[in-house]
């Protein structure tokens, strides 16, 4: 339908109803969690008992989020894991993008399809597969050579490896899409003027890819931080936040979980907006 033509009343009403229902479905649970993080009651659900900050700072025998050392440690663990996954995903994703777009070899299309396979494998299956494979290698090294490869046992290194195995595919797709639109004649002109390969990469190619690098880093960090299925299969004694919250829910939920959820929602929103702003600024500068 042409936008300038008047729409029937039923179509306008149904559009508004659909939009309201859709956004309510998305955001109403988040609003409930945020509101009841301040509820003066020992349970994280209605009814409303009054406003309090106890579930953040603690008071009168209540252990707030900022006094809950186990929860804070799990947040830090998730940050460390997410940083490692982000760095590895961006570096390897960039290398994959150049491999796909700048080189020609037999089986290139097959390799590109196989690179997407981790995205369609359920996280639990991926975690179990990595755990079984890593354990077999660790046991084999121990039996044959007497080597104890701790990084192949359940723990944070294996969590990083498990998350990286599928997040790198997303980073690869993001960076490849940007590199595909790059005008290769800019590099050729720089080479004709005597620039080295490293200088061209550093001053022309990477600045053009900067928005994609920032975007893939943000996506990688957030996906790693919130991952649960794969992490649960590979975690050791140091539990990331999602596994810690799952354990707390099984023991009995408290408004502290609402408090940490609100904190993460705010932090994720700030990070996403910051990354989007940086990505837009980089894109504008690269187009000048």
C-alpha atoms as a PDB file:
ATOM      1  CA  UNK A   1       0.000   0.000   0.000  1.00  0.00           C
ATOM      2  CA  UNK A   2       1.278   3.492  -0.904  1.00  0.00           C
ATOM      3  CA  UNK A   3       2.117   5.375   2.298  1.00  0.00           C
ATOM      4  CA  UNK A   4       0.450   8.603   1.094  1.00  0.00           C
ATOM      5  CA  UNK A   5      -2.956   6.925   0.612  1.00  0.00           C
ATOM      6  CA  UNK A   6      -5.373   6.899   3.573  1.00  0.00           C
ATOM      7  CA  UNK A   7      -5.587   3.570   5.348  1.00  0.00           C
ATOM      8  CA  UNK A   8      -8.846   2.011   6.529  1.00  0.00           C
ATOM      9  CA  UNK A   9      -9.717   2.548  10.179  1.00  0.00           C
ATOM     10  CA  UNK A  10      -9.554  -1.182  10.966  1.00  0.00           C
ATOM     11  CA  UNK A  11      -6.032  -1.378   9.554  1.00  0.00           C
ATOM     12  CA  UNK A  12      -4.829   1.576  11.623  1.00  0.00           C
ATOM     13  CA  UNK A  13      -6.370   0.152  14.797  1.00  0.00           C
ATOM     14  CA  UNK A  14      -5.008  -3.342  14.191  1.00  0.00           C
ATOM     15  CA  UNK A  15      -1.533  -1.904  13.543  1.00  0.00           C
ATOM     16  CA  UNK A  16      -1.596  -0.020  16.846  1.00  0.00           C
ATOM     17  CA  UNK A  17      -2.929  -3.057  18.735  1.00  0.00           C
ATOM     18  CA  UNK A  18      -0.272  -5.290  17.216  1.00  0.00           C
ATOM     19  CA  UNK A  19       2.538  -2.846  18.044  1.00  0.00           C
ATOM     20  CA  UNK A  20       1.343  -2.423  21.645  1.00  0.00           C
ATOM     21  CA  UNK A  21       0.955  -6.183  22.150  1.00  0.00           C
ATOM     22  CA  UNK A  22       4.355  -6.902  20.608  1.00  0.00           C
ATOM     23  CA  UNK A  23       6.272  -4.391  22.716  1.00  0.00           C
ATOM     24  CA  UNK A  24       4.336  -5.355  25.838  1.00  0.00           C
ATOM     25  CA  UNK A  25       5.345  -8.975  25.267  1.00  0.00           C
ATOM     26  CA  UNK A  26       8.977  -7.894  24.925  1.00  0.00           C
ATOM     27  CA  UNK A  27       9.300  -5.357  27.704  1.00  0.00           C
ATOM     28  CA  UNK A  28       6.616  -6.064  30.306  1.00  0.00           C
ATOM     29  CA  UNK A  29       8.564  -8.929  31.954  1.00  0.00           C
ATOM     30  CA  UNK A  30      11.637  -6.699  32.110  1.00  0.00           C
ATOM     31  CA  UNK A  31       9.631  -3.891  33.684  1.00  0.00           C
ATOM     32  CA  UNK A  32       8.204  -6.275  36.300  1.00  0.00           C
ATOM     33  CA  UNK A  33      11.687  -7.518  37.191  1.00  0.00           C
ATOM     34  CA  UNK A  34      13.003  -3.947  37.438  1.00  0.00           C
ATOM     35  CA  UNK A  35      10.135  -2.742  39.616  1.00  0.00           C
ATOM     36  CA  UNK A  36      10.197  -5.658  42.033  1.00  0.00           C
ATOM     37  CA  UNK A  37      13.925  -5.275  42.552  1.00  0.00           C
ATOM     38  CA  UNK A  38      12.803  -2.466  44.905  1.00  0.00           C
ATOM     39  CA  UNK A  39       9.962  -4.399  46.563  1.00  0.00           C
ATOM     40  CA  UNK A  40      10.129  -4.550  50.364  1.00  0.00           C
ATOM     41  CA  UNK A  41       9.298  -8.260  50.512  1.00  0.00           C
ATOM     42  CA  UNK A  42      11.420 -11.445  50.767  1.00  0.00           C
ATOM     43  CA  UNK A  43      10.075 -12.782  47.469  1.00  0.00           C
ATOM     44  CA  UNK A  44      10.628 -11.440  43.933  1.00  0.00           C
ATOM     45  CA  UNK A  45       6.969 -11.210  42.891  1.00  0.00           C
ATOM     46  CA  UNK A  46       3.736  -9.307  43.584  1.00  0.00           C
ATOM     47  CA  UNK A  47       2.129  -7.956  45.673  1.00  0.00           C
ATOM     48  CA  UNK A  48       3.937  -4.655  46.222  1.00  0.00           C
ATOM     49  CA  UNK A  49       5.015  -4.157  49.854  1.00  0.00           C
ATOM     50  CA  UNK A  50       6.755  -0.808  49.613  1.00  0.00           C
ATOM     51  CA  UNK A  51       9.965   0.699  48.289  1.00  0.00           C
ATOM     52  CA  UNK A  52      13.390  -0.414  49.539  1.00  0.00           C
ATOM     53  CA  UNK A  53      17.020  -0.510  48.484  1.00  0.00           C
ATOM     54  CA  UNK A  54      17.806  -3.468  50.746  1.00  0.00           C
ATOM     55  CA  UNK A  55      18.224  -5.857  47.828  1.00  0.00           C
ATOM     56  CA  UNK A  56      21.048  -3.698  46.501  1.00  0.00           C
ATOM     57  CA  UNK A  57      22.864  -2.466  49.622  1.00  0.00           C
ATOM     58  CA  UNK A  58      21.568  -4.855  52.287  1.00  0.00           C
ATOM     59  CA  UNK A  59      19.914  -3.973  55.605  1.00  0.00           C
ATOM     60  CA  UNK A  60      18.323  -5.620  58.643  1.00  0.00           C
ATOM     61  CA  UNK A  61      19.715  -9.075  57.969  1.00  0.00           C
ATOM     62  CA  UNK A  62      19.112  -8.889  54.242  1.00  0.00           C
ATOM     63  CA  UNK A  63      22.145  -9.518  52.041  1.00  0.00           C
ATOM     64  CA  UNK A  64      22.029  -7.082  49.152  1.00  0.00           C
ATOM     65  CA  UNK A  65      23.647  -7.495  45.775  1.00  0.00           C
ATOM     66  CA  UNK A  66      26.682  -5.341  46.603  1.00  0.00           C
ATOM     67  CA  UNK A  67      27.311  -7.388  49.764  1.00  0.00           C
ATOM     68  CA  UNK A  68      26.810 -10.764  48.098  1.00  0.00           C
ATOM     69  CA  UNK A  69      30.405 -11.808  47.439  1.00  0.00           C
ATOM     70  CA  UNK A  70      29.431 -15.012  45.609  1.00  0.00           C
ATOM     71  CA  UNK A  71      27.198 -13.112  43.183  1.00  0.00           C
ATOM     72  CA  UNK A  72      29.806 -10.395  42.611  1.00  0.00           C
ATOM     73  CA  UNK A  73      32.464 -13.043  41.972  1.00  0.00           C
ATOM     74  CA  UNK A  74      30.208 -14.705  39.410  1.00  0.00           C
ATOM     75  CA  UNK A  75      29.678 -11.367  37.647  1.00  0.00           C
ATOM     76  CA  UNK A  76      33.438 -10.843  37.473  1.00  0.00           C
ATOM     77  CA  UNK A  77      33.895 -14.397  36.185  1.00  0.00           C
ATOM     78  CA  UNK A  78      31.374 -13.719  33.408  1.00  0.00           C
ATOM     79  CA  UNK A  79      33.180 -10.477  32.510  1.00  0.00           C
ATOM     80  CA  UNK A  80      36.542 -12.255  32.274  1.00  0.00           C
ATOM     81  CA  UNK A  81      35.098 -15.044  30.127  1.00  0.00           C
ATOM     82  CA  UNK A  82      33.269 -12.553  27.891  1.00  0.00           C
ATOM     83  CA  UNK A  83      36.429 -10.493  27.381  1.00  0.00           C
ATOM     84  CA  UNK A  84      38.427 -13.538  26.305  1.00  0.00           C
ATOM     85  CA  UNK A  85      35.652 -14.730  23.995  1.00  0.00           C
ATOM     86  CA  UNK A  86      35.318 -11.237  22.505  1.00  0.00           C
ATOM     87  CA  UNK A  87      39.026 -10.853  21.771  1.00  0.00           C
ATOM     88  CA  UNK A  88      39.313 -14.318  20.237  1.00  0.00           C
ATOM     89  CA  UNK A  89      36.101 -13.971  18.216  1.00  0.00           C
ATOM     90  CA  UNK A  90      37.047 -10.591  16.732  1.00  0.00           C
ATOM     91  CA  UNK A  91      40.604 -11.660  15.874  1.00  0.00           C
ATOM     92  CA  UNK A  92      39.646 -15.003  14.354  1.00  0.00           C
ATOM     93  CA  UNK A  93      36.505 -13.541  12.766  1.00  0.00           C
ATOM     94  CA  UNK A  94      38.622 -10.900  11.022  1.00  0.00           C
ATOM     95  CA  UNK A  95      41.027 -13.542   9.756  1.00  0.00           C
ATOM     96  CA  UNK A  96      38.093 -15.637   8.539  1.00  0.00           C
ATOM     97  CA  UNK A  97      36.596 -12.645   6.748  1.00  0.00           C
ATOM     98  CA  UNK A  98      39.816 -12.048   4.801  1.00  0.00           C
ATOM     99  CA  UNK A  99      40.068 -15.766   4.068  1.00  0.00           C
ATOM    100  CA  UNK A 100      36.555 -15.836   2.641  1.00  0.00           C
ATOM    101  CA  UNK A 101      36.663 -12.558   0.702  1.00  0.00           C
ATOM    102  CA  UNK A 102      40.280 -12.239  -0.399  1.00  0.00           C
ATOM    103  CA  UNK A 103      41.382 -15.762  -1.263  1.00  0.00           C
ATOM    104  CA  UNK A 104      40.312 -18.370  -3.775  1.00  0.00           C
ATOM    105  CA  UNK A 105      40.761 -22.073  -3.088  1.00  0.00           C
ATOM    106  CA  UNK A 106      39.010 -25.364  -3.681  1.00  0.00           C
ATOM    107  CA  UNK A 107      36.233 -26.080  -1.194  1.00  0.00           C
ATOM    108  CA  UNK A 108      35.752 -22.439  -0.239  1.00  0.00           C
ATOM    109  CA  UNK A 109      31.950 -22.635  -0.367  1.00  0.00           C
ATOM    110  CA  UNK A 110      31.924 -25.816   1.694  1.00  0.00           C
ATOM    111  CA  UNK A 111      34.161 -24.211   4.299  1.00  0.00           C
ATOM    112  CA  UNK A 112      31.877 -21.177   4.459  1.00  0.00           C
ATOM    113  CA  UNK A 113      28.864 -23.411   5.088  1.00  0.00           C
ATOM    114  CA  UNK A 114      30.670 -25.483   7.719  1.00  0.00           C
ATOM    115  CA  UNK A 115      31.595 -22.260   9.490  1.00  0.00           C
ATOM    116  CA  UNK A 116      27.882 -21.661  10.103  1.00  0.00           C
ATOM    117  CA  UNK A 117      27.235 -25.137  11.520  1.00  0.00           C
ATOM    118  CA  UNK A 118      27.710 -24.154  15.209  1.00  0.00           C
ATOM    119  CA  UNK A 119      24.887 -21.620  14.867  1.00  0.00           C
ATOM    120  CA  UNK A 120      22.280 -24.309  14.164  1.00  0.00           C
ATOM    121  CA  UNK A 121      23.503 -26.785  16.785  1.00  0.00           C
ATOM    122  CA  UNK A 122      21.666 -26.514  20.150  1.00  0.00           C
ATOM    123  CA  UNK A 123      23.867 -25.053  22.865  1.00  0.00           C
ATOM    124  CA  UNK A 124      23.473 -28.076  25.125  1.00  0.00           C
ATOM    125  CA  UNK A 125      24.552 -30.458  22.364  1.00  0.00           C
ATOM    126  CA  UNK A 126      27.483 -28.210  21.505  1.00  0.00           C
ATOM    127  CA  UNK A 127      28.568 -28.094  25.147  1.00  0.00           C
ATOM    128  CA  UNK A 128      28.298 -31.855  25.631  1.00  0.00           C
ATOM    129  CA  UNK A 129      30.218 -32.513  22.405  1.00  0.00           C
ATOM    130  CA  UNK A 130      33.051 -30.181  23.353  1.00  0.00           C
ATOM    131  CA  UNK A 131      33.199 -31.644  26.864  1.00  0.00           C
ATOM    132  CA  UNK A 132      33.347 -35.221  25.576  1.00  0.00           C
ATOM    133  CA  UNK A 133      35.969 -34.383  22.945  1.00  0.00           C
ATOM    134  CA  UNK A 134      38.164 -32.395  25.347  1.00  0.00           C
ATOM    135  CA  UNK A 135      37.902 -35.069  28.029  1.00  0.00           C
ATOM    136  CA  UNK A 136      38.957 -37.772  25.564  1.00  0.00           C
ATOM    137  CA  UNK A 137      42.038 -35.784  24.571  1.00  0.00           C
ATOM    138  CA  UNK A 138      42.909 -35.043  28.209  1.00  0.00           C
ATOM    139  CA  UNK A 139      42.527 -38.692  29.206  1.00  0.00           C
ATOM    140  CA  UNK A 140      44.600 -39.832  26.224  1.00  0.00           C
ATOM    141  CA  UNK A 141      47.408 -37.400  27.082  1.00  0.00           C
ATOM    142  CA  UNK A 142      47.331 -38.575  30.690  1.00  0.00           C
ATOM    143  CA  UNK A 143      47.395 -42.274  29.770  1.00  0.00           C
ATOM    144  CA  UNK A 144      50.082 -42.073  27.075  1.00  0.00           C
ATOM    145  CA  UNK A 145      52.381 -39.305  28.281  1.00  0.00           C
ATOM    146  CA  UNK A 146      51.414 -38.653  31.894  1.00  0.00           C
ATOM    147  CA  UNK A 147      50.392 -35.097  31.049  1.00  0.00           C
ATOM    148  CA  UNK A 148      47.566 -33.469  32.969  1.00  0.00           C
ATOM    149  CA  UNK A 149      45.929 -30.968  30.602  1.00  0.00           C
ATOM    150  CA  UNK A 150      43.826 -29.034  33.077  1.00  0.00           C
ATOM    151  CA  UNK A 151      42.559 -26.593  30.458  1.00  0.00           C
ATOM    152  CA  UNK A 152      40.693 -29.481  28.806  1.00  0.00           C
ATOM    153  CA  UNK A 153      38.858 -30.309  32.016  1.00  0.00           C
ATOM    154  CA  UNK A 154      35.595 -28.550  33.025  1.00  0.00           C
ATOM    155  CA  UNK A 155      36.489 -24.993  33.931  1.00  0.00           C
ATOM    156  CA  UNK A 156      36.789 -21.473  32.567  1.00  0.00           C
ATOM    157  CA  UNK A 157      39.218 -22.284  29.699  1.00  0.00           C
ATOM    158  CA  UNK A 158      36.766 -24.853  28.380  1.00  0.00           C
ATOM    159  CA  UNK A 159      33.877 -22.392  28.845  1.00  0.00           C
ATOM    160  CA  UNK A 160      35.778 -19.840  26.746  1.00  0.00           C
ATOM    161  CA  UNK A 161      36.455 -22.477  24.092  1.00  0.00           C
ATOM    162  CA  UNK A 162      32.833 -23.617  24.024  1.00  0.00           C
ATOM    163  CA  UNK A 163      31.399 -20.116  23.684  1.00  0.00           C
ATOM    164  CA  UNK A 164      34.027 -19.116  21.152  1.00  0.00           C
ATOM    165  CA  UNK A 165      33.146 -22.097  18.945  1.00  0.00           C
ATOM    166  CA  UNK A 166      29.843 -20.519  17.874  1.00  0.00           C
ATOM    167  CA  UNK A 167      30.229 -16.809  18.666  1.00  0.00           C
ATOM    168  CA  UNK A 168      33.150 -16.609  16.239  1.00  0.00           C
ATOM    169  CA  UNK A 169      30.724 -17.527  13.441  1.00  0.00           C
ATOM    170  CA  UNK A 170      28.619 -14.451  14.209  1.00  0.00           C
ATOM    171  CA  UNK A 171      31.698 -12.228  14.315  1.00  0.00           C
ATOM    172  CA  UNK A 172      32.832 -13.689  10.997  1.00  0.00           C
ATOM    173  CA  UNK A 173      29.500 -12.946   9.331  1.00  0.00           C
ATOM    174  CA  UNK A 174      29.443  -9.376  10.665  1.00  0.00           C
ATOM    175  CA  UNK A 175      32.965  -8.537   9.535  1.00  0.00           C
ATOM    176  CA  UNK A 176      32.620 -10.355   6.195  1.00  0.00           C
ATOM    177  CA  UNK A 177      29.498  -8.346   5.342  1.00  0.00           C
ATOM    178  CA  UNK A 178      31.445  -5.120   5.855  1.00  0.00           C
ATOM    179  CA  UNK A 179      34.548  -6.310   4.004  1.00  0.00           C
ATOM    180  CA  UNK A 180      32.405  -7.397   1.035  1.00  0.00           C
ATOM    181  CA  UNK A 181      31.450  -3.745   0.425  1.00  0.00           C
ATOM    182  CA  UNK A 182      35.036  -2.487   0.575  1.00  0.00           C
ATOM    183  CA  UNK A 183      36.378  -0.810  -2.579  1.00  0.00           C
ATOM    184  CA  UNK A 184      39.545  -2.756  -3.348  1.00  0.00           C
ATOM    185  CA  UNK A 185      40.798   0.029  -5.629  1.00  0.00           C
ATOM    186  CA  UNK A 186      41.634   2.093  -2.534  1.00  0.00           C
ATOM    187  CA  UNK A 187      44.216  -0.500  -1.527  1.00  0.00           C
ATOM    188  CA  UNK A 188      45.528  -0.763  -5.079  1.00  0.00           C
ATOM    189  CA  UNK A 189      46.000   3.008  -5.239  1.00  0.00           C
ATOM    190  CA  UNK A 190      47.931   2.942  -1.972  1.00  0.00           C
ATOM    191  CA  UNK A 191      50.170   0.146  -3.259  1.00  0.00           C
ATOM    192  CA  UNK A 192      50.855   2.149  -6.432  1.00  0.00           C
ATOM    193  CA  UNK A 193      51.933   5.078  -4.260  1.00  0.00           C
ATOM    194  CA  UNK A 194      54.483   2.887  -2.492  1.00  0.00           C
ATOM    195  CA  UNK A 195      52.636   1.935   0.714  1.00  0.00           C
ATOM    196  CA  UNK A 196      53.527  -1.355   2.351  1.00  0.00           C
ATOM    197  CA  UNK A 197      50.993  -4.120   2.931  1.00  0.00           C
ATOM    198  CA  UNK A 198      51.001  -3.452   6.685  1.00  0.00           C
ATOM    199  CA  UNK A 199      50.537   0.294   6.168  1.00  0.00           C
ATOM    200  CA  UNK A 200      47.574  -0.286   3.840  1.00  0.00           C
ATOM    201  CA  UNK A 201      45.979  -2.676   6.308  1.00  0.00           C
ATOM    202  CA  UNK A 202      46.477  -0.316   9.241  1.00  0.00           C
ATOM    203  CA  UNK A 203      45.531   2.986   7.603  1.00  0.00           C
ATOM    204  CA  UNK A 204      42.886   1.996   5.027  1.00  0.00           C
ATOM    205  CA  UNK A 205      41.358  -1.445   5.526  1.00  0.00           C
ATOM    206  CA  UNK A 206      41.028  -1.638   9.315  1.00  0.00           C
ATOM    207  CA  UNK A 207      39.578   1.896   9.688  1.00  0.00           C
ATOM    208  CA  UNK A 208      36.927   0.925   7.138  1.00  0.00           C
ATOM    209  CA  UNK A 209      36.205  -2.261   9.102  1.00  0.00           C
ATOM    210  CA  UNK A 210      36.114  -0.465  12.454  1.00  0.00           C
ATOM    211  CA  UNK A 211      32.274  -0.246  12.666  1.00  0.00           C
ATOM    212  CA  UNK A 212      31.999  -3.981  12.017  1.00  0.00           C
ATOM    213  CA  UNK A 213      34.777  -4.725  14.506  1.00  0.00           C
ATOM    214  CA  UNK A 214      33.039  -2.663  17.182  1.00  0.00           C
ATOM    215  CA  UNK A 215      29.675  -4.228  16.411  1.00  0.00           C
ATOM    216  CA  UNK A 216      31.010  -7.787  16.441  1.00  0.00           C
ATOM    217  CA  UNK A 217      32.844  -7.097  19.707  1.00  0.00           C
ATOM    218  CA  UNK A 218      29.645  -5.833  21.342  1.00  0.00           C
ATOM    219  CA  UNK A 219      27.609  -8.797  20.102  1.00  0.00           C
ATOM    220  CA  UNK A 220      30.306 -11.258  21.148  1.00  0.00           C
ATOM    221  CA  UNK A 221      30.573  -9.791  24.644  1.00  0.00           C
ATOM    222  CA  UNK A 222      26.827  -9.729  25.262  1.00  0.00           C
ATOM    223  CA  UNK A 223      26.247 -13.217  23.839  1.00  0.00           C
ATOM    224  CA  UNK A 224      29.057 -14.631  25.950  1.00  0.00           C
ATOM    225  CA  UNK A 225      27.893 -12.873  29.102  1.00  0.00           C
ATOM    226  CA  UNK A 226      24.328 -14.172  28.836  1.00  0.00           C
ATOM    227  CA  UNK A 227      25.124 -17.679  27.588  1.00  0.00           C
ATOM    228  CA  UNK A 228      23.757 -20.490  29.742  1.00  0.00           C
ATOM    229  CA  UNK A 229      23.246 -23.744  27.836  1.00  0.00           C
ATOM    230  CA  UNK A 230      26.798 -24.267  26.614  1.00  0.00           C
ATOM    231  CA  UNK A 231      28.316 -22.798  29.772  1.00  0.00           C
ATOM    232  CA  UNK A 232      26.372 -25.142  32.055  1.00  0.00           C
ATOM    233  CA  UNK A 233      27.897 -28.173  30.345  1.00  0.00           C
ATOM    234  CA  UNK A 234      31.486 -26.914  30.614  1.00  0.00           C
ATOM    235  CA  UNK A 235      31.664 -24.991  33.881  1.00  0.00           C
ATOM    236  CA  UNK A 236      33.883 -26.047  36.766  1.00  0.00           C
ATOM    237  CA  UNK A 237      34.144 -24.662  40.290  1.00  0.00           C
ATOM    238  CA  UNK A 238      34.060 -20.999  39.200  1.00  0.00           C
ATOM    239  CA  UNK A 239      30.493 -20.342  38.131  1.00  0.00           C
ATOM    240  CA  UNK A 240      29.648 -17.509  35.716  1.00  0.00           C
ATOM    241  CA  UNK A 241      26.632 -15.373  36.497  1.00  0.00           C
ATOM    242  CA  UNK A 242      24.034 -17.296  34.497  1.00  0.00           C
ATOM    243  CA  UNK A 243      24.943 -20.591  36.181  1.00  0.00           C
ATOM    244  CA  UNK A 244      25.001 -18.911  39.607  1.00  0.00           C
ATOM    245  CA  UNK A 245      21.536 -17.414  39.046  1.00  0.00           C
ATOM    246  CA  UNK A 246      20.222 -20.794  37.906  1.00  0.00           C
ATOM    247  CA  UNK A 247      21.491 -22.377  41.110  1.00  0.00           C
ATOM    248  CA  UNK A 248      19.949 -19.619  43.219  1.00  0.00           C
ATOM    249  CA  UNK A 249      16.606 -20.050  41.462  1.00  0.00           C
ATOM    250  CA  UNK A 250      16.603 -23.750  42.294  1.00  0.00           C
ATOM    251  CA  UNK A 251      17.328 -22.994  45.949  1.00  0.00           C
ATOM    252  CA  UNK A 252      14.624 -20.340  46.152  1.00  0.00           C
ATOM    253  CA  UNK A 253      14.486 -17.004  44.390  1.00  0.00           C
ATOM    254  CA  UNK A 254      14.961 -13.724  46.248  1.00  0.00           C
ATOM    255  CA  UNK A 255      14.713 -10.103  45.057  1.00  0.00           C
ATOM    256  CA  UNK A 256      18.513 -10.079  44.831  1.00  0.00           C
ATOM    257  CA  UNK A 257      18.052 -11.862  41.494  1.00  0.00           C
ATOM    258  CA  UNK A 258      15.773  -9.031  40.389  1.00  0.00           C
ATOM    259  CA  UNK A 259      18.422  -6.541  41.505  1.00  0.00           C
ATOM    260  CA  UNK A 260      21.196  -8.193  39.522  1.00  0.00           C
ATOM    261  CA  UNK A 261      18.868  -8.519  36.522  1.00  0.00           C
ATOM    262  CA  UNK A 262      18.133  -4.792  36.639  1.00  0.00           C
ATOM    263  CA  UNK A 263      21.824  -4.001  36.934  1.00  0.00           C
ATOM    264  CA  UNK A 264      22.596  -6.152  33.908  1.00  0.00           C
ATOM    265  CA  UNK A 265      19.776  -4.647  31.859  1.00  0.00           C
ATOM    266  CA  UNK A 266      21.116  -1.149  32.508  1.00  0.00           C
ATOM    267  CA  UNK A 267      24.728  -2.178  31.841  1.00  0.00           C
ATOM    268  CA  UNK A 268      23.771  -3.998  28.617  1.00  0.00           C
ATOM    269  CA  UNK A 269      21.756  -1.021  27.382  1.00  0.00           C
ATOM    270  CA  UNK A 270      24.607   1.396  28.127  1.00  0.00           C
ATOM    271  CA  UNK A 271      27.128  -0.875  26.420  1.00  0.00           C
ATOM    272  CA  UNK A 272      24.930  -1.384  23.365  1.00  0.00           C
ATOM    273  CA  UNK A 273      24.219   2.341  22.991  1.00  0.00           C
ATOM    274  CA  UNK A 274      27.895   3.202  23.434  1.00  0.00           C
ATOM    275  CA  UNK A 275      28.935   0.645  20.837  1.00  0.00           C
ATOM    276  CA  UNK A 276      26.246   1.825  18.413  1.00  0.00           C
ATOM    277  CA  UNK A 277      27.366   5.437  18.815  1.00  0.00           C
ATOM    278  CA  UNK A 278      31.002   4.470  18.289  1.00  0.00           C
ATOM    279  CA  UNK A 279      30.081   2.360  15.285  1.00  0.00           C
ATOM    280  CA  UNK A 280      28.104   5.206  13.693  1.00  0.00           C
ATOM    281  CA  UNK A 281      30.949   7.676  14.315  1.00  0.00           C
ATOM    282  CA  UNK A 282      33.439   5.274  12.757  1.00  0.00           C
ATOM    283  CA  UNK A 283      31.180   4.693   9.771  1.00  0.00           C
ATOM    284  CA  UNK A 284      30.792   8.436   9.237  1.00  0.00           C
ATOM    285  CA  UNK A 285      34.542   8.994   9.430  1.00  0.00           C
ATOM    286  CA  UNK A 286      35.269   6.148   7.016  1.00  0.00           C
ATOM    287  CA  UNK A 287      32.815   7.579   4.485  1.00  0.00           C
ATOM    288  CA  UNK A 288      34.402  11.011   4.509  1.00  0.00           C
END
